């Protein structure tokens, strides 16, 4: 019955005669229930307040009069119009996934009410004589049964196709992580590339109230993928290299301080690129600004990433310090868990090769198999392999030169940004540029999921095969998955300074003759060509190789086993993590208090 109950902030608005402003009752920490009364009619019950201020309001949901407003459901907000006179219940601060389940159940059950159902007064002064929580969605509800409402000459009203598809299931280890988050524990979860870290992170985000949850990442592009902001922008302390007192003063500024005080759940993605010294500075700032002595000022941390991938960016003369080496790491993190089930790659041989490369091991057999990929055909159906480069300058030069070499007219697409004064900030966080130049035959990749079921996902490779003749001249792209699609403008929403929402409308396409290894992090590419001659960081070769979906779609040029290396401190950390995980495997599912107390040294 979980979908029939919602805990959130609720406001009930009832219109008054004579055009007066509606009467409004606000209930924080409200419980909203979907049930049935003694006549088996669906009823929406809103209960909130305490003591003398406690209130229970119930509304019979007559199918014709009920309307749902769900545009901002992804942000935890929605409205339900419950009667013909315009009365409505406004829902906010809801965990987005719980809100979606609740609205889906409400929509299905209201649509099943026959037109000739007996009418009852809309608003009752007290709960109905009988009230039972409504049953879950049944197969007959989805397919349209005898009681479903019908328009003249049409099939019974149906739930939209997207709502009939159950969400992808979490694995047992992903469920364990989500359970730990829901129990309030601060957790670090990790795993090799393709183990579903980003997928799980989005499910976690959907399970938490958005008004007290802040999603951040070490880079702007990674932050954009989860609808958040960079960790530096959230913290408001610049690079964090100033003395602690100065950093605290920066964090005490009105706009920044408000976020620090409101935050109860802080998500940090791509943690491997966050410097350990910066993490320690953040922890001290959090305690000072929030005036609480608990680790990180009492904020629950949900940290994700793989320390065996890209390390923090440091100057040549600076020593790299990972977050797990930070002094405050052990006291801040209650549970450490590694996801082990690889979902991106299904070829067991390739998974085995990647596992070895991730740990810095390059046996003769691994070397032989990777060197053999140099003979792989790099072109399929006019689509070339994307070259992954270690340096971004090489990427820009390659893409510009290859585009110029193509004959024909250049088609230019300019972005529509919400704030032209903040273009640099939008550029840093948005995965597509403010100007996209294309020609017939241009190699491109998608920068956003358009239709996962068809394979039109972030990183899907294609070639421009035409442009529509209308005024906008939108491009047609043939993708490696076999689909030819007219690509329309898409919108990205990012968080700017002080939580201000910024947006960019642009084609979800990037030139794909080449892309940097840093920019490819988190992507799954259909066909990849890699040169590892200029690898300069631990984990860089692994990140590049693991972008490929399969060994057949990979071509490695001038492979040198010396390019494969992993940081010894990181390997030591993961040995301890796995040992601890084996010992704690049984207790992790129960989230006993012992989990919080039992930590292990890793530096």
Protein backbone atom coordinates (compact mmCIF):
# COMPACT_ATOMS: atom_id res chain seq x y z
CA UNK A 1 0.00 0.00 0.00
CA UNK A 2 3.12 2.22 -0.11
CA UNK A 3 1.97 4.01 -3.31
CA UNK A 4 -1.32 5.07 -1.67
CA UNK A 5 0.42 7.12 1.04
CA UNK A 6 2.44 10.30 0.66
CA UNK A 7 4.22 12.34 3.32
CA UNK A 8 4.79 15.92 2.25
CA UNK A 9 3.64 19.51 2.66
CA UNK A 10 0.00 19.94 1.61
CA UNK A 11 -2.04 23.09 1.04
CA UNK A 12 -5.81 22.87 0.54
CA UNK A 13 -7.36 25.76 -1.41
CA UNK A 14 -11.13 26.20 -1.41
CA UNK A 15 -12.77 28.93 -3.54
CA UNK A 16 -15.01 31.49 -1.88
CA UNK A 17 -18.05 33.19 -3.45
CA UNK A 18 -17.91 36.72 -4.82
CA UNK A 19 -14.48 36.39 -6.40
CA UNK A 20 -12.68 36.52 -3.06
CA UNK A 21 -9.26 34.96 -2.67
CA UNK A 22 -9.59 31.23 -1.92
CA UNK A 23 -9.41 29.98 1.66
CA UNK A 24 -6.04 28.30 2.11
CA UNK A 25 -4.99 25.81 4.76
CA UNK A 26 -1.31 24.81 4.92
CA UNK A 27 -0.29 21.54 6.57
CA UNK A 28 3.38 20.74 6.96
CA UNK A 29 4.46 17.16 7.56
CA UNK A 30 1.07 16.11 6.22
CA UNK A 31 0.00 12.56 5.40
CA UNK A 32 -1.96 12.26 2.17
CA UNK A 33 -3.84 8.99 1.69
CA UNK A 34 -5.76 7.57 -1.24
CA UNK A 35 -8.60 5.32 -0.12
CA UNK A 36 -12.23 4.34 -0.61
CA UNK A 37 -15.36 5.19 1.36
CA UNK A 38 -18.35 3.03 2.20
CA UNK A 39 -19.67 3.45 -1.38
CA UNK A 40 -16.33 2.24 -2.82
CA UNK A 41 -15.65 5.71 -4.20
CA UNK A 42 -12.03 6.89 -4.32
CA UNK A 43 -11.31 9.42 -1.56
CA UNK A 44 -8.32 11.73 -1.06
CA UNK A 45 -7.63 12.29 2.63
CA UNK A 46 -5.25 14.98 3.90
CA UNK A 47 -4.21 14.91 7.55
CA UNK A 48 -1.81 17.29 9.23
CA UNK A 49 -1.05 19.41 12.27
CA UNK A 50 -1.05 18.36 15.90
CA UNK A 51 -3.06 19.04 19.04
CA UNK A 52 -5.75 21.68 18.62
CA UNK A 53 -4.42 22.52 15.15
CA UNK A 54 -4.80 18.93 13.89
CA UNK A 55 -7.02 18.62 10.83
CA UNK A 56 -8.35 15.86 8.59
CA UNK A 57 -9.95 16.76 5.26
CA UNK A 58 -11.41 14.24 2.85
CA UNK A 59 -12.49 14.67 -0.76
CA UNK A 60 -14.53 12.27 -2.86
CA UNK A 61 -12.85 12.04 -6.26
CA UNK A 62 -15.56 12.24 -8.92
CA UNK A 63 -13.84 11.16 -12.14
CA UNK A 64 -15.17 14.00 -14.32
CA UNK A 65 -14.01 16.81 -12.04
CA UNK A 66 -10.56 15.54 -11.02
CA UNK A 67 -7.57 17.07 -12.79
CA UNK A 68 -3.88 16.48 -12.19
CA UNK A 69 -1.16 19.08 -12.70
CA UNK A 70 2.13 17.19 -12.86
CA UNK A 71 4.54 19.43 -14.78
CA UNK A 72 6.84 19.79 -11.76
CA UNK A 73 6.46 16.25 -10.39
CA UNK A 74 10.18 15.71 -10.95
CA UNK A 75 10.80 18.49 -8.44
CA UNK A 76 8.40 16.95 -5.89
CA UNK A 77 5.44 19.26 -6.63
CA UNK A 78 1.97 18.60 -8.05
CA UNK A 79 -1.64 19.75 -7.71
CA UNK A 80 -4.91 17.79 -7.66
CA UNK A 81 -8.13 19.58 -8.52
CA UNK A 82 -10.69 17.66 -6.49
CA UNK A 83 -14.02 19.21 -7.41
CA UNK A 84 -15.96 21.08 -10.09
CA UNK A 85 -15.81 24.34 -8.10
CA UNK A 86 -12.02 24.52 -8.41
CA UNK A 87 -10.99 23.29 -4.95
CA UNK A 88 -7.51 21.80 -5.09
CA UNK A 89 -4.84 20.12 -3.00
CA UNK A 90 -1.30 21.40 -3.61
CA UNK A 91 1.46 18.92 -2.83
CA UNK A 92 5.10 19.95 -2.33
CA UNK A 93 8.35 18.72 -0.76
CA UNK A 94 7.52 15.17 -1.93
CA UNK A 95 10.14 12.56 -2.78
CA UNK A 96 9.74 12.62 -6.60
CA UNK A 97 9.53 8.84 -7.09
CA UNK A 98 6.94 8.47 -4.32
CA UNK A 99 4.93 11.34 -5.82
CA UNK A 100 4.97 9.73 -9.27
CA UNK A 101 3.76 6.40 -7.85
CA UNK A 102 1.00 8.16 -5.91
CA UNK A 103 -0.18 10.17 -8.93
CA UNK A 104 -0.14 7.10 -11.14
CA UNK A 105 -2.30 5.19 -8.67
CA UNK A 106 -4.67 8.14 -8.31
CA UNK A 107 -4.99 8.56 -12.08
CA UNK A 108 -5.71 4.87 -12.65
CA UNK A 109 -8.26 4.53 -9.84
CA UNK A 110 -10.14 7.72 -10.73
CA UNK A 111 -10.29 6.68 -14.39
CA UNK A 112 -11.91 3.40 -13.32
CA UNK A 113 -14.89 5.15 -11.66
CA UNK A 114 -18.08 4.64 -13.79
CA UNK A 115 -19.83 7.80 -14.99
CA UNK A 116 -23.07 6.86 -13.25
CA UNK A 117 -21.45 6.37 -9.82
CA UNK A 118 -23.54 7.89 -6.97
CA UNK A 119 -22.55 11.44 -6.05
CA UNK A 120 -21.58 12.53 -2.55
CA UNK A 121 -20.80 15.98 -1.12
CA UNK A 122 -17.26 16.99 -2.06
CA UNK A 123 -15.99 18.15 1.31
CA UNK A 124 -16.90 16.36 4.52
CA UNK A 125 -16.50 17.96 7.93
CA UNK A 126 -15.06 14.73 9.31
CA UNK A 127 -13.69 11.49 7.85
CA UNK A 128 -16.25 9.30 6.02
CA UNK A 129 -17.98 6.61 8.08
CA UNK A 130 -15.61 4.11 6.54
CA UNK A 131 -12.22 4.62 4.96
CA UNK A 132 -9.87 1.94 3.68
CA UNK A 133 -6.58 2.47 1.88
CA UNK A 134 -7.03 1.85 -1.83
CA UNK A 135 -5.67 -1.33 -3.42
CA UNK A 136 -2.57 -1.32 -5.65
CA UNK A 137 -2.85 -1.02 -9.43
CA UNK A 138 -4.16 -4.22 -11.01
CA UNK A 139 -3.65 -5.49 -14.55
CA UNK A 140 -7.30 -4.78 -15.36
CA UNK A 141 -6.79 -1.16 -14.27
CA UNK A 142 -4.00 -0.72 -16.79
CA UNK A 143 -5.66 -2.42 -19.72
CA UNK A 144 -9.11 -0.90 -19.29
CA UNK A 145 -11.91 -2.89 -17.67
CA UNK A 146 -15.71 -2.76 -17.78
CA UNK A 147 -15.85 0.11 -15.32
CA UNK A 148 -13.46 2.38 -17.23
CA UNK A 149 -14.66 5.71 -18.53
CA UNK A 150 -15.22 5.83 -22.31
CA UNK A 151 -15.54 8.64 -24.77
CA UNK A 152 -17.94 8.19 -27.69
CA UNK A 153 -16.48 5.73 -30.20
CA UNK A 154 -13.16 5.36 -28.30
CA UNK A 155 -11.48 2.59 -26.40
CA UNK A 156 -11.56 2.73 -22.58
CA UNK A 157 -9.28 5.41 -21.14
CA UNK A 158 -5.82 3.97 -20.71
CA UNK A 159 -2.77 4.80 -18.69
CA UNK A 160 -0.03 6.30 -20.90
CA UNK A 161 2.30 3.67 -22.34
CA UNK A 162 5.29 5.01 -20.38
CA UNK A 163 3.40 4.47 -17.12
CA UNK A 164 2.62 0.85 -17.96
CA UNK A 165 6.32 -0.02 -18.09
CA UNK A 166 7.59 -0.89 -14.63
CA UNK A 167 10.79 0.94 -13.71
CA UNK A 168 14.02 -1.02 -14.13
CA UNK A 169 14.63 -3.10 -11.06
CA UNK A 170 17.48 -2.56 -8.66
CA UNK A 171 19.85 -5.42 -7.96
CA UNK A 172 20.09 -6.81 -4.43
CA UNK A 173 23.24 -4.79 -3.71
CA UNK A 174 21.65 -1.62 -5.11
CA UNK A 175 18.60 -2.23 -2.91
CA UNK A 176 20.94 -2.54 0.08
CA UNK A 177 22.46 0.87 -0.69
CA UNK A 178 19.02 2.47 -1.11
CA UNK A 179 17.89 0.91 2.18
CA UNK A 180 20.92 2.34 3.97
CA UNK A 181 20.15 5.80 2.56
CA UNK A 182 16.53 5.59 3.69
CA UNK A 183 17.67 4.60 7.18
CA UNK A 184 19.62 7.87 7.43
CA UNK A 185 23.14 6.44 7.25
CA UNK A 186 25.90 8.33 5.47
CA UNK A 187 27.18 6.05 2.72
CA UNK A 188 29.88 5.84 0.09
CA UNK A 189 29.07 3.45 -2.74
CA UNK A 190 31.46 2.61 -5.51
CA UNK A 191 31.95 0.12 -8.31
CA UNK A 192 33.63 -0.35 -11.63
CA UNK A 193 32.39 1.40 -14.75
CA UNK A 194 29.00 0.07 -15.89
CA UNK A 195 27.77 -1.20 -12.51
CA UNK A 196 24.83 1.22 -12.47
CA UNK A 197 26.13 3.86 -10.07
CA UNK A 198 24.44 6.72 -11.94
CA UNK A 199 21.19 4.76 -12.28
CA UNK A 200 21.17 4.05 -8.54
CA UNK A 201 22.03 7.66 -7.72
CA UNK A 202 18.98 8.87 -9.66
CA UNK A 203 16.77 6.38 -7.78
CA UNK A 204 18.18 7.68 -4.50
CA UNK A 205 17.47 11.26 -5.58
CA UNK A 206 13.89 10.26 -6.39
CA UNK A 207 13.40 8.82 -2.90
CA UNK A 208 14.40 11.96 -0.97
CA UNK A 209 12.46 15.23 -0.43
CA UNK A 210 13.91 17.76 -2.91
CA UNK A 211 13.62 20.78 -0.60
CA UNK A 212 16.20 19.36 1.82
CA UNK A 213 18.32 17.37 -0.67
CA UNK A 214 21.21 18.91 -2.60
CA UNK A 215 22.71 17.03 -5.55
CA UNK A 216 26.30 17.93 -6.40
CA UNK A 217 29.21 16.53 -8.38
CA UNK A 218 32.90 17.27 -8.81
CA UNK A 219 32.40 18.48 -12.41
CA UNK A 220 29.74 20.57 -14.10
CA UNK A 221 28.79 17.96 -16.71
CA UNK A 222 28.41 15.24 -14.05
CA UNK A 223 26.28 17.63 -11.97
CA UNK A 224 24.07 18.36 -14.99
CA UNK A 225 23.41 14.62 -15.45
CA UNK A 226 21.82 14.43 -11.98
CA UNK A 227 20.10 17.82 -12.14
CA UNK A 228 22.39 19.39 -9.56
CA UNK A 229 25.27 21.81 -9.26
CA UNK A 230 29.00 21.51 -8.69
CA UNK A 231 30.20 20.81 -5.17
CA UNK A 232 32.22 24.03 -5.26
CA UNK A 233 29.14 26.08 -6.23
CA UNK A 234 27.10 24.54 -3.39
CA UNK A 235 29.84 25.10 -0.82
CA UNK A 236 30.39 28.75 -1.77
CA UNK A 237 33.99 28.79 -0.50
CA UNK A 238 35.80 29.07 -3.83
CA UNK A 239 38.75 26.72 -4.22
CA UNK A 240 38.79 26.09 -0.46
CA UNK A 241 42.50 26.94 -0.24
CA UNK A 242 41.91 30.04 1.87
CA UNK A 243 42.29 29.77 5.68
CA UNK A 244 39.37 28.07 7.45
CA UNK A 245 38.08 31.29 9.06
CA UNK A 246 37.91 32.97 5.66
CA UNK A 247 36.09 29.96 4.16
CA UNK A 248 33.56 30.08 7.00
CA UNK A 249 32.96 33.77 6.33
CA UNK A 250 32.33 33.00 2.65
CA UNK A 251 29.88 30.25 3.60
CA UNK A 252 28.08 32.60 6.01
CA UNK A 253 26.94 34.86 3.16
CA UNK A 254 23.11 34.94 3.10
CA UNK A 255 22.47 32.91 -0.09
CA UNK A 256 25.12 30.30 0.69
CA UNK A 257 24.29 29.98 4.39
CA UNK A 258 20.64 29.31 3.60
CA UNK A 259 21.62 26.21 1.59
CA UNK A 260 23.96 24.93 4.29
CA UNK A 261 21.21 25.24 6.90
CA UNK A 262 18.45 23.72 4.73
CA UNK A 263 20.52 20.75 3.57
CA UNK A 264 19.78 17.44 5.30
CA UNK A 265 20.97 15.12 2.51
CA UNK A 266 24.07 16.01 0.46
CA UNK A 267 24.80 13.94 -2.65
CA UNK A 268 28.31 14.08 -4.12
CA UNK A 269 28.92 12.29 -7.45
CA UNK A 270 32.29 11.55 -9.09
CA UNK A 271 34.00 11.75 -5.71
CA UNK A 272 37.33 10.50 -7.12
CA UNK A 273 38.00 13.98 -8.56
CA UNK A 274 37.35 15.81 -5.26
CA UNK A 275 40.53 16.71 -3.39
CA UNK A 276 40.81 15.29 0.14
CA UNK A 277 41.97 18.61 1.60
CA UNK A 278 38.86 20.28 0.14
CA UNK A 279 36.66 17.58 1.72
CA UNK A 280 38.19 18.26 5.16
CA UNK A 281 37.63 22.00 4.70
CA UNK A 282 33.97 21.37 3.78
CA UNK A 283 33.44 19.22 6.85
CA UNK A 284 34.79 21.93 9.15
CA UNK A 285 32.76 24.63 7.39
CA UNK A 286 29.57 22.56 7.71
CA UNK A 287 29.99 22.22 11.49
CA UNK A 288 30.77 25.93 11.90
CA UNK A 289 27.93 27.28 9.74
CA UNK A 290 25.30 24.85 11.07
CA UNK A 291 26.62 25.24 14.66
CA UNK A 292 26.44 21.50 15.23
CA UNK A 293 29.32 19.27 16.37
CA UNK A 294 28.21 16.10 14.56
CA UNK A 295 30.34 15.05 11.55
CA UNK A 296 29.57 17.32 8.59
CA UNK A 297 27.23 19.32 10.81
CA UNK A 298 24.69 16.48 10.96
CA UNK A 299 24.17 16.32 7.16
CA UNK A 300 23.63 12.85 5.72
CA UNK A 301 26.23 12.22 3.01
CA UNK A 302 25.47 10.07 -0.05
CA UNK A 303 28.75 9.80 -1.92
CA UNK A 304 29.30 7.99 -5.22
CA UNK A 305 32.25 7.37 -7.49
CA UNK A 306 35.20 5.13 -8.28
CA UNK A 307 38.61 6.07 -6.91
CA UNK A 308 40.18 3.78 -9.51
CA UNK A 309 39.00 6.18 -12.22
CA UNK A 310 40.13 9.80 -12.65
CA UNK A 311 41.95 11.35 -9.65
CA UNK A 312 41.70 14.96 -8.39
CA UNK A 313 43.18 17.56 -10.72
CA UNK A 314 46.29 18.95 -9.03
CA UNK A 315 49.16 21.18 -10.06
CA UNK A 316 52.42 19.51 -11.01
CA UNK A 317 54.11 20.24 -7.69
CA UNK A 318 51.13 19.24 -5.51
CA UNK A 319 50.59 15.83 -3.95
CA UNK A 320 47.32 14.09 -4.84
CA UNK A 321 45.14 13.47 -1.80
CA UNK A 322 42.01 11.38 -2.32
CA UNK A 323 38.88 11.93 -0.23
CA UNK A 324 39.27 8.60 1.56
CA UNK A 325 42.61 9.98 2.84
CA UNK A 326 40.89 13.02 4.34
CA UNK A 327 41.08 13.19 8.15
CA UNK A 328 37.27 13.50 8.43
CA UNK A 329 36.36 10.65 6.03
CA UNK A 330 36.18 7.86 8.62
CA UNK A 331 33.97 9.78 11.05
CA UNK A 332 31.64 11.01 8.27
CA UNK A 333 30.97 7.76 6.40
CA UNK A 334 29.03 4.98 8.17
CA UNK A 335 28.86 2.44 5.34
CA UNK A 336 31.21 1.76 2.41
CA UNK A 337 29.93 -0.55 -0.33
CA UNK A 338 31.15 -1.69 -3.73
CA UNK A 339 28.70 -2.63 -6.50
CA UNK A 340 30.00 -5.68 -8.37
CA UNK A 341 27.39 -6.53 -11.03
CA UNK A 342 28.47 -5.04 -14.38
CA UNK A 343 25.50 -3.95 -16.51
CA UNK A 344 27.07 -1.93 -19.33
CA UNK A 345 29.14 -4.78 -20.79
CA UNK A 346 27.72 -8.29 -21.20
CA UNK A 347 30.79 -9.92 -22.80
CA UNK A 348 32.44 -11.86 -19.97
CA UNK A 349 35.84 -11.73 -21.65
CA UNK A 350 35.69 -7.95 -21.93
CA UNK A 351 34.44 -7.60 -18.34
CA UNK A 352 37.41 -9.69 -17.19
CA UNK A 353 39.86 -7.54 -19.19
CA UNK A 354 38.40 -4.33 -17.73
CA UNK A 355 38.54 -5.71 -14.19
CA UNK A 356 42.25 -6.39 -14.61
CA UNK A 357 42.94 -2.97 -16.17
CA UNK A 358 41.02 -1.23 -13.37
CA UNK A 359 43.37 -2.76 -10.82
CA UNK A 360 46.45 -1.84 -12.85
CA UNK A 361 47.13 -5.42 -13.92
CA UNK A 362 48.10 -6.05 -17.53
CA UNK A 363 48.94 -9.72 -18.15
CA UNK A 364 50.31 -11.05 -21.43
CA UNK A 365 46.83 -12.35 -22.33
CA UNK A 366 45.19 -8.96 -21.66
CA UNK A 367 47.91 -7.26 -23.71
CA UNK A 368 47.43 -9.72 -26.58
CA UNK A 369 43.65 -9.26 -26.70
CA UNK A 370 43.85 -5.46 -26.58
CA UNK A 371 46.54 -5.34 -29.28
CA UNK A 372 44.35 -7.51 -31.52
CA UNK A 373 41.63 -4.85 -31.44
CA UNK A 374 43.83 -2.61 -33.62
CA UNK A 375 42.63 -4.67 -36.60
CA UNK A 376 38.94 -4.12 -35.80
CA UNK A 377 36.95 -2.40 -38.53
CA UNK A 378 36.27 1.15 -37.36
CA UNK A 379 33.43 2.01 -39.77
CA UNK A 380 29.92 0.57 -39.72
CA UNK A 381 27.12 1.91 -41.90
CA UNK A 382 29.00 5.17 -42.44
CA UNK A 383 29.55 5.69 -38.71
CA UNK A 384 33.18 5.98 -37.62
CA UNK A 385 34.59 5.08 -34.24
CA UNK A 386 34.96 7.99 -31.81
CA UNK A 387 38.57 8.63 -30.86
CA UNK A 388 39.14 9.17 -27.14
CA UNK A 389 41.94 11.63 -26.47
CA UNK A 390 43.87 12.36 -23.29
CA UNK A 391 44.07 16.11 -24.04
CA UNK A 392 41.12 18.38 -24.90
CA UNK A 393 43.19 20.41 -27.40
CA UNK A 394 43.51 17.30 -29.57
CA UNK A 395 39.72 16.89 -29.47
CA UNK A 396 38.98 20.42 -30.69
CA UNK A 397 41.57 20.28 -33.46
CA UNK A 398 40.37 16.87 -34.70
CA UNK A 399 36.66 17.76 -34.77
CA UNK A 400 37.20 21.16 -36.43
CA UNK A 401 39.52 19.73 -39.10
CA UNK A 402 37.23 16.80 -39.97
CA UNK A 403 34.16 19.04 -40.20
CA UNK A 404 36.00 21.44 -42.54
CA UNK A 405 37.05 18.55 -44.78
CA UNK A 406 33.42 17.61 -45.46
CA UNK A 407 31.89 19.21 -48.58
CA UNK A 408 28.62 21.11 -48.43
CA UNK A 409 26.95 23.83 -46.41
CA UNK A 410 27.50 24.34 -42.67
CA UNK A 411 24.27 24.34 -40.66
CA UNK A 412 24.61 26.40 -37.47
CA UNK A 413 22.36 25.96 -34.43
CA UNK A 414 22.54 28.59 -31.68
CA UNK A 415 21.43 27.76 -28.14
CA UNK A 416 18.71 29.64 -26.35
CA UNK A 417 20.03 30.36 -22.84
CA UNK A 418 17.87 31.60 -19.97
CA UNK A 419 20.53 34.12 -18.92
CA UNK A 420 22.98 35.31 -21.60
CA UNK A 421 25.06 36.97 -18.86
CA UNK A 422 25.88 33.55 -17.38
CA UNK A 423 26.86 31.76 -20.59
CA UNK A 424 30.25 30.69 -19.19
CA UNK A 425 28.58 29.04 -16.21
CA UNK A 426 26.08 27.26 -18.46
CA UNK A 427 28.91 26.16 -20.78
CA UNK A 428 30.76 24.63 -17.82
CA UNK A 429 27.81 22.51 -16.72
CA UNK A 430 25.83 21.78 -19.88
CA UNK A 431 26.98 18.80 -22.01
CA UNK A 432 26.31 20.68 -25.27
CA UNK A 433 27.78 23.95 -26.45
CA UNK A 434 26.09 27.24 -27.20
CA UNK A 435 26.85 26.78 -30.91
CA UNK A 436 26.55 23.48 -32.80
CA UNK A 437 27.88 23.33 -36.37
CA UNK A 438 26.90 20.39 -38.58
CA UNK A 439 27.26 19.23 -42.17
CA UNK A 440 25.90 16.33 -44.15
CA UNK A 441 28.06 13.36 -43.14
CA UNK A 442 29.12 14.83 -39.78
CA UNK A 443 29.92 12.23 -37.12
CA UNK A 444 27.82 12.96 -34.03
CA UNK A 445 26.80 11.49 -30.70
CA UNK A 446 23.75 12.02 -28.54
CA UNK A 447 24.28 14.07 -25.40
CA UNK A 448 20.99 13.06 -23.76
CA UNK A 449 18.72 10.03 -23.38
CA UNK A 450 15.90 10.38 -25.91
CA UNK A 451 14.44 6.86 -26.08
CA UNK A 452 16.25 4.20 -24.08
CA UNK A 453 14.09 1.39 -25.50
CA UNK A 454 15.33 2.19 -29.04
CA UNK A 455 18.95 2.69 -28.01
CA UNK A 456 18.83 6.50 -28.34
CA UNK A 457 20.86 7.09 -25.19
CA UNK A 458 23.56 9.47 -24.03
CA UNK A 459 26.65 8.51 -26.05
CA UNK A 460 24.78 6.79 -28.93
CA UNK A 461 26.76 7.24 -32.15
CA UNK A 462 25.38 8.38 -35.49
CA UNK A 463 25.95 10.28 -38.73
CA UNK A 464 24.01 13.25 -40.13
CA UNK A 465 22.12 12.03 -43.24
CA UNK A 466 20.04 15.12 -44.01
CA UNK A 467 18.33 18.30 -42.86
CA UNK A 468 14.62 19.07 -42.93
CA UNK A 469 13.54 21.65 -45.51
CA UNK A 470 11.53 23.76 -43.07
CA UNK A 471 12.80 26.99 -41.52
CA UNK A 472 14.58 25.37 -38.56
CA UNK A 473 16.41 22.90 -40.83
CA UNK A 474 16.71 20.29 -38.05
CA UNK A 475 19.17 17.45 -38.73
CA UNK A 476 18.27 13.82 -39.44
CA UNK A 477 20.69 11.35 -37.89
CA UNK A 478 21.14 7.65 -38.64
CA UNK A 479 22.30 5.89 -35.48
CA UNK A 480 24.29 2.73 -35.08
CA UNK A 481 21.29 1.11 -33.38
CA UNK A 482 19.49 1.24 -36.76
CA UNK A 483 17.16 4.16 -36.01
CA UNK A 484 17.03 7.29 -38.19
CA UNK A 485 15.67 10.19 -36.18
CA UNK A 486 14.91 13.88 -36.69
CA UNK A 487 16.71 15.56 -33.79
CA UNK A 488 14.79 18.38 -32.14
CA UNK A 489 15.86 20.96 -29.58
CA UNK A 490 16.07 19.68 -26.01
CA UNK A 491 16.24 21.57 -22.72
CA UNK A 492 18.79 21.23 -19.93
CA UNK A 493 18.11 22.79 -16.54
CA UNK A 494 21.07 23.42 -14.25
CA UNK A 495 21.46 25.08 -10.90
CA UNK A 496 23.41 28.30 -10.82
CA UNK A 497 24.54 30.56 -7.95
CA UNK A 498 22.32 30.55 -4.86
CA UNK A 499 20.17 27.76 -6.32
CA UNK A 500 18.92 29.84 -9.28
CA UNK A 501 17.76 27.58 -12.11
CA UNK A 502 19.40 28.22 -15.48
CA UNK A 503 18.47 26.52 -18.73
CA UNK A 504 19.78 25.91 -22.23
CA UNK A 505 17.80 24.80 -25.27
CA UNK A 506 20.00 23.21 -27.91
CA UNK A 507 20.33 20.17 -30.15
CA UNK A 508 21.39 17.18 -28.02
CA UNK A 509 24.29 16.51 -30.39
CA UNK A 510 28.06 16.80 -30.24
CA UNK A 511 30.65 16.26 -32.95
CA UNK A 512 32.05 12.79 -32.36
CA UNK A 513 35.19 12.27 -34.39
CA UNK A 514 36.93 12.79 -31.06
CA UNK A 515 36.09 13.35 -27.38
CA UNK A 516 38.30 13.73 -24.30
CA UNK A 517 38.59 10.94 -21.77
CA UNK A 518 37.50 13.36 -19.02
CA UNK A 519 34.34 14.34 -20.95
CA UNK A 520 33.54 10.70 -21.70
CA UNK A 521 33.27 9.72 -18.02
CA UNK A 522 29.83 8.19 -17.43
CA UNK A 523 29.16 7.58 -21.14
CA UNK A 524 28.57 4.29 -22.96
CA UNK A 525 29.90 4.44 -26.52
CA UNK A 526 28.99 2.09 -29.37
CA UNK A 527 32.33 2.24 -31.19
CA UNK A 528 35.55 3.65 -29.75
CA UNK A 529 39.08 4.21 -31.02
CA UNK A 530 41.72 4.89 -28.39
CA UNK A 531 45.31 6.01 -28.42
CA UNK A 532 46.93 5.57 -25.01
CA UNK A 533 50.36 6.94 -25.95
CA UNK A 534 49.85 10.19 -24.00
CA UNK A 535 48.20 8.79 -20.87
CA UNK A 536 49.41 10.83 -17.90
CA UNK A 537 47.19 9.81 -14.95
CA UNK A 538 46.41 6.66 -13.03
CA UNK A 539 43.05 5.25 -14.04
CA UNK A 540 42.96 7.17 -17.33
CA UNK A 541 43.47 4.10 -19.51
CA UNK A 542 40.75 2.24 -17.60
CA UNK A 543 38.22 5.07 -17.99
CA UNK A 544 38.91 5.19 -21.74
CA UNK A 545 38.64 1.44 -22.31
CA UNK A 546 35.53 1.06 -20.16
CA UNK A 547 33.54 3.54 -22.29
CA UNK A 548 33.13 0.80 -24.91
CA UNK A 549 30.04 -1.41 -24.71
CA UNK A 550 31.90 -4.42 -26.15
CA UNK A 551 35.32 -5.66 -27.21
CA UNK A 552 34.06 -5.78 -30.82
CA UNK A 553 33.27 -2.04 -30.68
CA UNK A 554 36.77 -1.18 -29.41
CA UNK A 555 39.90 -0.34 -31.40
CA UNK A 556 43.10 0.34 -29.43
CA UNK A 557 46.00 1.92 -31.29
CA UNK A 558 49.66 1.68 -30.18
CA UNK A 559 48.77 -0.17 -26.95
CA UNK A 560 51.50 -0.10 -24.32
CA UNK A 561 51.08 -2.03 -21.04
CA UNK A 562 52.92 0.80 -19.26
CA UNK A 563 49.86 3.02 -19.78
CA UNK A 564 47.90 0.77 -17.43
CA UNK A 565 48.42 1.78 -13.83
CA UNK A 566 46.45 2.22 -10.62
CA UNK A 567 47.39 4.32 -7.60
CA UNK A 568 48.82 2.08 -4.81
CA UNK A 569 46.93 4.02 -2.10
CA UNK A 570 43.64 3.44 -3.92
CA UNK A 571 44.34 -0.28 -4.31
CA UNK A 572 45.05 -0.46 -0.57
CA UNK A 573 41.74 1.33 0.13
CA UNK A 574 39.75 -1.11 -2.02
CA UNK A 575 41.40 -4.17 -0.43
CA UNK A 576 40.17 -2.96 2.95
CA UNK A 577 36.74 -2.10 1.55
CA UNK A 578 36.22 -5.60 0.12
CA UNK A 579 37.45 -7.26 3.29
CA UNK A 580 35.09 -5.14 5.38
CA UNK A 581 32.21 -5.74 2.97
CA UNK A 582 32.58 -9.50 3.25
CA UNK A 583 32.54 -9.27 7.05
CA UNK A 584 29.54 -6.92 7.10
CA UNK A 585 27.53 -8.50 4.26
CA UNK A 586 24.90 -10.00 6.52
CA UNK A 587 24.52 -6.99 8.80
CA UNK A 588 24.33 -4.47 5.93
CA UNK A 589 20.75 -5.43 5.10
CA UNK A 590 19.61 -4.79 8.66
CA UNK A 591 21.60 -1.55 9.05
CA UNK A 592 22.33 -2.29 12.68
CA UNK A 593 23.96 0.29 14.91
CA UNK A 594 27.15 -1.73 14.67
CA UNK A 595 27.55 -0.55 11.06
CA UNK A 596 27.97 3.02 12.22
CA UNK A 597 30.57 2.21 14.84
CA UNK A 598 32.60 -0.26 12.80
CA UNK A 599 34.89 1.62 10.44
CA UNK A 600 38.24 0.72 9.10
CA UNK A 601 41.49 2.53 8.46
CA UNK A 602 42.42 3.25 4.89
CA UNK A 603 45.34 5.64 5.06
